All heavy atoms as atom14 arrays in JSON, in Angstrom:
{
  "sequence": "FNYIEKFLLVLCELLEKGWETEIVCRCVHFLVSV",
  "atom14_mask": [
    [1, 1, 1, 1, 1, 1, 1, 1, 1, 1, 1, 0, 0, 0],
    [1, 1, 1, 1, 1, 1, 1, 1, 0, 0, 0, 0, 0, 0],
    [1, 1, 1, 1, 1, 1, 1, 1, 1, 1, 1, 1, 0, 0],
    [1, 1, 1, 1, 1, 1, 1, 1, 0, 0, 0, 0, 0, 0],
    [1, 1, 1, 1, 1, 1, 1, 1, 1, 0, 0, 0, 0, 0],
    [1, 1, 1, 1, 1, 1, 1, 1, 1, 0, 0, 0, 0, 0],
    [1, 1, 1, 1, 1, 1, 1, 1, 1, 1, 1, 0, 0, 0],
    [1, 1, 1, 1, 1, 1, 1, 1, 0, 0, 0, 0, 0, 0],
    [1, 1, 1, 1, 1, 1, 1, 1, 0, 0, 0, 0, 0, 0],
    [1, 1, 1, 1, 1, 1, 1, 0, 0, 0, 0, 0, 0, 0],
    [1, 1, 1, 1, 1, 1, 1, 1, 0, 0, 0, 0, 0, 0],
    [1, 1, 1, 1, 1, 1, 0, 0, 0, 0, 0, 0, 0, 0],
    [1, 1, 1, 1, 1, 1, 1, 1, 1, 0, 0, 0, 0, 0],
    [1, 1, 1, 1, 1, 1, 1, 1, 0, 0, 0, 0, 0, 0],
    [1, 1, 1, 1, 1, 1, 1, 1, 0, 0, 0, 0, 0, 0],
    [1, 1, 1, 1, 1, 1, 1, 1, 1, 0, 0, 0, 0, 0],
    [1, 1, 1, 1, 1, 1, 1, 1, 1, 0, 0, 0, 0, 0],
    [1, 1, 1, 1, 0, 0, 0, 0, 0, 0, 0, 0, 0, 0],
    [1, 1, 1, 1, 1, 1, 1, 1, 1, 1, 1, 1, 1, 1],
    [1, 1, 1, 1, 1, 1, 1, 1, 1, 0, 0, 0, 0, 0],
    [1, 1, 1, 1, 1, 1, 1, 0, 0, 0, 0, 0, 0, 0],
    [1, 1, 1, 1, 1, 1, 1, 1, 1, 0, 0, 0, 0, 0],
    [1, 1, 1, 1, 1, 1, 1, 1, 0, 0, 0, 0, 0, 0],
    [1, 1, 1, 1, 1, 1, 1, 0, 0, 0, 0, 0, 0, 0],
    [1, 1, 1, 1, 1, 1, 0, 0, 0, 0, 0, 0, 0, 0],
    [1, 1, 1, 1, 1, 1, 1, 1, 1, 1, 1, 0, 0, 0],
    [1, 1, 1, 1, 1, 1, 0, 0, 0, 0, 0, 0, 0, 0],
    [1, 1, 1, 1, 1, 1, 1, 0, 0, 0, 0, 0, 0, 0],
    [1, 1, 1, 1, 1, 1, 1, 1, 1, 1, 0, 0, 0, 0],
    [1, 1, 1, 1, 1, 1, 1, 1, 1, 1, 1, 0, 0, 0],
    [1, 1, 1, 1, 1, 1, 1, 1, 0, 0, 0, 0, 0, 0],
    [1, 1, 1, 1, 1, 1, 1, 0, 0, 0, 0, 0, 0, 0],
    [1, 1, 1, 1, 1, 1, 0, 0, 0, 0, 0, 0, 0, 0],
    [1, 1, 1, 1, 1, 1, 1, 0, 0, 0, 0, 0, 0, 0]
  ],
  "atom14_positions": [
    [[104.83, -242.76, 32.34], [105.35, -242.04, 33.51], [105.13, -240.53, 33.39], [104.94, -239.86, 34.41], [106.84, -242.32, 33.68], [107.4, -241.77, 34.97], [107.06, -242.36, 36.18], [108.22, -240.66, 34.98], [107.54, -241.86, 37.38], [108.71, -240.15, 36.16], [108.37, -240.76, 37.37], [0.0, 0.0, 0.0], [0.0, 0.0, 0.0], [0.0, 0.0, 0.0]],
    [[105.13, -239.97, 32.17], [104.9, -238.52, 32.05], [103.48, -238.15, 32.48], [103.24, -237.07, 33.03], [105.16, -238.06, 30.61], [104.31, -238.8, 29.6], [103.89, -239.93, 29.84], [104.05, -238.2, 28.46], [0.0, 0.0, 0.0], [0.0, 0.0, 0.0], [0.0, 0.0, 0.0], [0.0, 0.0, 0.0], [0.0, 0.0, 0.0], [0.0, 0.0, 0.0]],
    [[102.52, -239.05, 32.31], [101.15, -238.8, 32.79], [101.05, -239.05, 34.3], [100.19, -238.46, 34.96], [100.16, -239.69, 32.04], [99.83, -239.17, 30.66], [100.48, -239.65, 29.54], [98.87, -238.17, 30.49], [100.18, -239.17, 28.27], [98.57, -237.67, 29.22], [99.23, -238.18, 28.12], [98.93, -237.69, 26.88], [0.0, 0.0, 0.0], [0.0, 0.0, 0.0]],
    [[101.9, -239.92, 34.83], [101.89, -240.16, 36.27], [102.32, -238.89, 37.02], [101.78, -238.57, 38.08], [102.81, -241.36, 36.61], [102.12, -242.66, 36.17], [103.1, -241.44, 38.1], [103.0, -243.86, 36.16], [0.0, 0.0, 0.0], [0.0, 0.0, 0.0], [0.0, 0.0, 0.0], [0.0, 0.0, 0.0], [0.0, 0.0, 0.0], [0.0, 0.0, 0.0]],
    [[103.29, -238.15, 36.47], [103.71, -236.88, 37.08], [102.53, -235.91, 37.17], [102.29, -235.28, 38.2], [104.84, -236.26, 36.26], [106.13, -237.07, 36.27], [107.21, -236.43, 35.42], [107.12, -235.21, 35.16], [108.14, -237.13, 35.0], [0.0, 0.0, 0.0], [0.0, 0.0, 0.0], [0.0, 0.0, 0.0], [0.0, 0.0, 0.0], [0.0, 0.0, 0.0]],
    [[101.77, -235.79, 36.06], [100.61, -234.9, 36.04], [99.54, -235.39, 37.03], [98.92, -234.59, 37.73], [100.02, -234.83, 34.64], [100.94, -234.28, 33.57], [100.28, -234.34, 32.21], [101.22, -233.91, 31.1], [100.59, -234.05, 29.76], [0.0, 0.0, 0.0], [0.0, 0.0, 0.0], [0.0, 0.0, 0.0], [0.0, 0.0, 0.0], [0.0, 0.0, 0.0]],
    [[99.35, -236.71, 37.06], [98.3, -237.28, 37.9], [98.61, -237.08, 39.39], [97.7, -236.85, 40.19], [98.14, -238.77, 37.58], [96.87, -239.38, 38.08], [95.68, -238.68, 38.01], [96.85, -240.64, 38.64], [94.49, -239.23, 38.47], [95.67, -241.2, 39.1], [94.48, -240.48, 39.02], [0.0, 0.0, 0.0], [0.0, 0.0, 0.0], [0.0, 0.0, 0.0]],
    [[99.88, -237.16, 39.77], [100.25, -236.92, 41.16], [99.94, -235.49, 41.59], [99.52, -235.24, 42.72], [101.74, -237.23, 41.38], [102.12, -238.71, 41.43], [103.63, -238.87, 41.45], [101.51, -239.4, 42.65], [0.0, 0.0, 0.0], [0.0, 0.0, 0.0], [0.0, 0.0, 0.0], [0.0, 0.0, 0.0], [0.0, 0.0, 0.0], [0.0, 0.0, 0.0]],
    [[100.15, -234.52, 40.69], [99.81, -233.13, 40.98], [98.3, -232.97, 41.2], [97.86, -232.26, 42.1], [100.28, -232.22, 39.83], [101.8, -232.06, 39.68], [102.12, -231.39, 38.36], [102.36, -231.24, 40.84], [0.0, 0.0, 0.0], [0.0, 0.0, 0.0], [0.0, 0.0, 0.0], [0.0, 0.0, 0.0], [0.0, 0.0, 0.0], [0.0, 0.0, 0.0]],
    [[97.52, -233.67, 40.35], [96.06, -233.62, 40.49], [95.63, -234.24, 41.82], [94.78, -233.69, 42.53], [95.4, -234.37, 39.31], [93.9, -234.49, 39.53], [95.68, -233.64, 38.0], [0.0, 0.0, 0.0], [0.0, 0.0, 0.0], [0.0, 0.0, 0.0], [0.0, 0.0, 0.0], [0.0, 0.0, 0.0], [0.0, 0.0, 0.0], [0.0, 0.0, 0.0]],
    [[96.23, -235.38, 42.18], [95.88, -236.06, 43.43], [96.23, -235.19, 44.64], [95.5, -235.18, 45.64], [96.61, -237.4, 43.52], [96.19, -238.46, 42.48], [97.11, -239.67, 42.58], [94.76, -238.88, 42.68], [0.0, 0.0, 0.0], [0.0, 0.0, 0.0], [0.0, 0.0, 0.0], [0.0, 0.0, 0.0], [0.0, 0.0, 0.0], [0.0, 0.0, 0.0]],
    [[97.34, -234.48, 44.56], [97.74, -233.58, 45.65], [96.69, -232.47, 45.84], [96.32, -232.15, 46.97], [99.11, -232.98, 45.33], [99.79, -231.99, 46.66], [0.0, 0.0, 0.0], [0.0, 0.0, 0.0], [0.0, 0.0, 0.0], [0.0, 0.0, 0.0], [0.0, 0.0, 0.0], [0.0, 0.0, 0.0], [0.0, 0.0, 0.0], [0.0, 0.0, 0.0]],
    [[96.21, -231.93, 44.73], [95.19, -230.88, 44.81], [93.88, -231.43, 45.39], [93.21, -230.76, 46.18], [94.95, -230.3, 43.41], [94.05, -229.08, 43.41], [93.89, -228.47, 42.02], [94.68, -228.84, 41.12], [92.99, -227.64, 41.85], [0.0, 0.0, 0.0], [0.0, 0.0, 0.0], [0.0, 0.0, 0.0], [0.0, 0.0, 0.0], [0.0, 0.0, 0.0]],
    [[93.52, -232.65, 45.0], [92.29, -233.27, 45.53], [92.39, -233.52, 47.03], [91.41, -233.34, 47.77], [92.02, -234.59, 44.8], [91.53, -234.5, 43.35], [91.54, -235.87, 42.7], [90.14, -233.9, 43.3], [0.0, 0.0, 0.0], [0.0, 0.0, 0.0], [0.0, 0.0, 0.0], [0.0, 0.0, 0.0], [0.0, 0.0, 0.0], [0.0, 0.0, 0.0]],
    [[93.57, -233.93, 47.5], [93.76, -234.15, 48.93], [93.68, -232.84, 49.71], [93.15, -232.8, 50.83], [95.11, -234.83, 49.18], [95.16, -236.34, 48.96], [96.59, -236.84, 49.08], [94.28, -237.07, 49.98], [0.0, 0.0, 0.0], [0.0, 0.0, 0.0], [0.0, 0.0, 0.0], [0.0, 0.0, 0.0], [0.0, 0.0, 0.0], [0.0, 0.0, 0.0]],
    [[94.23, -231.78, 49.14], [94.16, -230.48, 49.81], [92.71, -230.02, 49.98], [92.35, -229.39, 50.98], [94.95, -229.43, 49.01], [96.46, -229.62, 49.13], [97.23, -228.69, 48.22], [96.57, -227.97, 47.42], [98.48, -228.67, 48.29], [0.0, 0.0, 0.0], [0.0, 0.0, 0.0], [0.0, 0.0, 0.0], [0.0, 0.0, 0.0], [0.0, 0.0, 0.0]],
    [[91.87, -230.35, 48.99], [90.46, -229.98, 49.07], [89.67, -230.95, 49.94], [88.53, -230.66, 50.31], [89.86, -229.94, 47.67], [90.4, -228.81, 46.8], [89.74, -228.81, 45.44], [90.26, -227.67, 44.58], [89.82, -226.35, 45.09], [0.0, 0.0, 0.0], [0.0, 0.0, 0.0], [0.0, 0.0, 0.0], [0.0, 0.0, 0.0], [0.0, 0.0, 0.0]],
    [[90.26, -232.13, 50.23], [89.57, -233.11, 51.08], [88.47, -233.86, 50.37], [87.52, -234.34, 51.02], [0.0, 0.0, 0.0], [0.0, 0.0, 0.0], [0.0, 0.0, 0.0], [0.0, 0.0, 0.0], [0.0, 0.0, 0.0], [0.0, 0.0, 0.0], [0.0, 0.0, 0.0], [0.0, 0.0, 0.0], [0.0, 0.0, 0.0], [0.0, 0.0, 0.0]],
    [[88.56, -234.02, 49.06], [87.54, -234.71, 48.28], [87.91, -236.18, 48.11], [89.01, -236.49, 47.65], [87.38, -234.08, 46.9], [86.83, -232.68, 46.93], [86.29, -232.04, 48.01], [86.79, -231.75, 45.84], [85.91, -230.77, 47.68], [86.2, -230.56, 46.34], [87.19, -231.78, 44.52], [86.0, -229.43, 45.56], [86.99, -230.67, 43.72], [86.4, -229.51, 44.24]],
    [[86.99, -237.08, 48.45], [87.16, -238.54, 48.25], [88.55, -239.0, 48.7], [89.33, -239.57, 47.94], [86.93, -238.92, 46.78], [85.54, -238.64, 46.28], [84.49, -239.51, 46.93], [84.84, -240.6, 47.43], [83.31, -239.09, 46.94], [0.0, 0.0, 0.0], [0.0, 0.0, 0.0], [0.0, 0.0, 0.0], [0.0, 0.0, 0.0], [0.0, 0.0, 0.0]],
    [[88.84, -238.76, 49.97], [90.19, -239.02, 50.5], [90.6, -240.49, 50.35], [91.76, -240.79, 50.04], [90.25, -238.63, 51.99], [89.79, -237.28, 52.13], [91.67, -238.73, 52.52], [0.0, 0.0, 0.0], [0.0, 0.0, 0.0], [0.0, 0.0, 0.0], [0.0, 0.0, 0.0], [0.0, 0.0, 0.0], [0.0, 0.0, 0.0], [0.0, 0.0, 0.0]],
    [[89.66, -241.4, 50.54], [89.99, -242.82, 50.51], [90.48, -243.26, 49.14], [91.52, -243.91, 49.01], [88.76, -243.64, 50.92], [89.06, -245.11, 51.14], [87.86, -245.87, 51.64], [86.86, -245.23, 52.03], [87.92, -247.11, 51.65], [0.0, 0.0, 0.0], [0.0, 0.0, 0.0], [0.0, 0.0, 0.0], [0.0, 0.0, 0.0], [0.0, 0.0, 0.0]],
    [[89.74, -242.89, 48.08], [90.14, -243.27, 46.7], [91.45, -242.6, 46.32], [92.33, -243.22, 45.73], [89.02, -242.89, 45.7], [87.74, -243.66, 46.02], [89.46, -243.18, 44.27], [86.54, -243.22, 45.22], [0.0, 0.0, 0.0], [0.0, 0.0, 0.0], [0.0, 0.0, 0.0], [0.0, 0.0, 0.0], [0.0, 0.0, 0.0], [0.0, 0.0, 0.0]],
    [[91.57, -241.31, 46.66], [92.77, -240.55, 46.28], [94.01, -241.13, 46.97], [95.06, -241.31, 46.34], [92.58, -239.06, 46.62], [93.87, -238.29, 46.33], [91.43, -238.47, 45.81], [0.0, 0.0, 0.0], [0.0, 0.0, 0.0], [0.0, 0.0, 0.0], [0.0, 0.0, 0.0], [0.0, 0.0, 0.0], [0.0, 0.0, 0.0], [0.0, 0.0, 0.0]],
    [[93.89, -241.44, 48.27], [95.04, -242.02, 49.0], [95.41, -243.38, 48.42], [96.6, -243.73, 48.35], [94.7, -242.16, 50.48], [94.72, -240.61, 51.38], [0.0, 0.0, 0.0], [0.0, 0.0, 0.0], [0.0, 0.0, 0.0], [0.0, 0.0, 0.0], [0.0, 0.0, 0.0], [0.0, 0.0, 0.0], [0.0, 0.0, 0.0], [0.0, 0.0, 0.0]],
    [[94.43, -244.14, 48.01], [94.7, -245.44, 47.4], [95.51, -245.27, 46.11], [96.48, -246.01, 45.87], [93.37, -246.14, 47.11], [93.5, -247.51, 46.48], [92.12, -248.08, 46.18], [92.2, -249.25, 45.33], [91.15, -249.81, 44.76], [89.94, -249.32, 44.94], [91.29, -250.86, 43.98], [0.0, 0.0, 0.0], [0.0, 0.0, 0.0], [0.0, 0.0, 0.0]],
    [[95.13, -244.3, 45.27], [95.87, -244.03, 44.03], [97.3, -243.58, 44.32], [98.25, -244.03, 43.67], [95.14, -242.98, 43.2], [93.55, -243.49, 42.56], [0.0, 0.0, 0.0], [0.0, 0.0, 0.0], [0.0, 0.0, 0.0], [0.0, 0.0, 0.0], [0.0, 0.0, 0.0], [0.0, 0.0, 0.0], [0.0, 0.0, 0.0], [0.0, 0.0, 0.0]],
    [[97.44, -242.67, 45.3], [98.77, -242.15, 45.64], [99.67, -243.28, 46.14], [100.83, -243.41, 45.68], [98.65, -241.05, 46.72], [100.02, -240.67, 47.25], [97.97, -239.83, 46.13], [0.0, 0.0, 0.0], [0.0, 0.0, 0.0], [0.0, 0.0, 0.0], [0.0, 0.0, 0.0], [0.0, 0.0, 0.0], [0.0, 0.0, 0.0], [0.0, 0.0, 0.0]],
    [[99.17, -244.08, 47.05], [99.96, -245.18, 47.61], [100.4, -246.16, 46.52], [101.56, -246.59, 46.49], [99.15, -245.91, 48.68], [99.89, -247.05, 49.31], [99.76, -248.35, 48.86], [100.78, -247.09, 50.34], [100.53, -249.14, 49.58], [101.16, -248.41, 50.48], [0.0, 0.0, 0.0], [0.0, 0.0, 0.0], [0.0, 0.0, 0.0], [0.0, 0.0, 0.0]],
    [[99.5, -246.49, 45.62], [99.83, -247.46, 44.57], [100.88, -246.89, 43.6], [101.87, -247.56, 43.27], [98.56, -247.84, 43.79], [98.81, -248.84, 42.71], [98.97, -250.19, 43.02], [98.89, -248.46, 41.38], [99.21, -251.12, 42.02], [99.13, -249.38, 40.38], [99.28, -250.72, 40.71], [0.0, 0.0, 0.0], [0.0, 0.0, 0.0], [0.0, 0.0, 0.0]],
    [[100.69, -245.65, 43.16], [101.63, -245.05, 42.2], [103.02, -244.88, 42.8], [104.03, -245.14, 42.13], [101.09, -243.7, 41.71], [99.86, -243.76, 40.81], [99.34, -242.36, 40.54], [100.18, -244.46, 39.49], [0.0, 0.0, 0.0], [0.0, 0.0, 0.0], [0.0, 0.0, 0.0], [0.0, 0.0, 0.0], [0.0, 0.0, 0.0], [0.0, 0.0, 0.0]],
    [[103.07, -244.44, 44.05], [104.38, -244.23, 44.69], [105.09, -245.56, 44.92], [106.31, -245.67, 44.72], [104.2, -243.46, 46.02], [105.5, -243.42, 46.8], [103.73, -242.05, 45.75], [0.0, 0.0, 0.0], [0.0, 0.0, 0.0], [0.0, 0.0, 0.0], [0.0, 0.0, 0.0], [0.0, 0.0, 0.0], [0.0, 0.0, 0.0], [0.0, 0.0, 0.0]],
    [[104.36, -246.6, 45.32], [105.01, -247.91, 45.56], [105.47, -248.57, 44.28], [106.51, -249.22, 44.26], [104.03, -248.83, 46.3], [102.86, -249.04, 45.53], [0.0, 0.0, 0.0], [0.0, 0.0, 0.0], [0.0, 0.0, 0.0], [0.0, 0.0, 0.0], [0.0, 0.0, 0.0], [0.0, 0.0, 0.0], [0.0, 0.0, 0.0], [0.0, 0.0, 0.0]],
    [[104.74, -248.4, 43.18], [105.11, -249.03, 41.91], [106.25, -248.28, 41.22], [107.2, -248.88, 40.71], [103.89, -249.13, 40.97], [104.3, -249.58, 39.58], [102.89, -250.13, 41.54], [0.0, 0.0, 0.0], [0.0, 0.0, 0.0], [0.0, 0.0, 0.0], [0.0, 0.0, 0.0], [0.0, 0.0, 0.0], [0.0, 0.0, 0.0], [0.0, 0.0, 0.0]]
  ]
}
């Protein structure tokens, strides 16, 4: 879970830049639901 916190910050930055939105949204949705 401590790496999940870091990974969510990274995913947020990737979404702001608009890079590979589909893969990033998939990761975000899965981590938040689990």
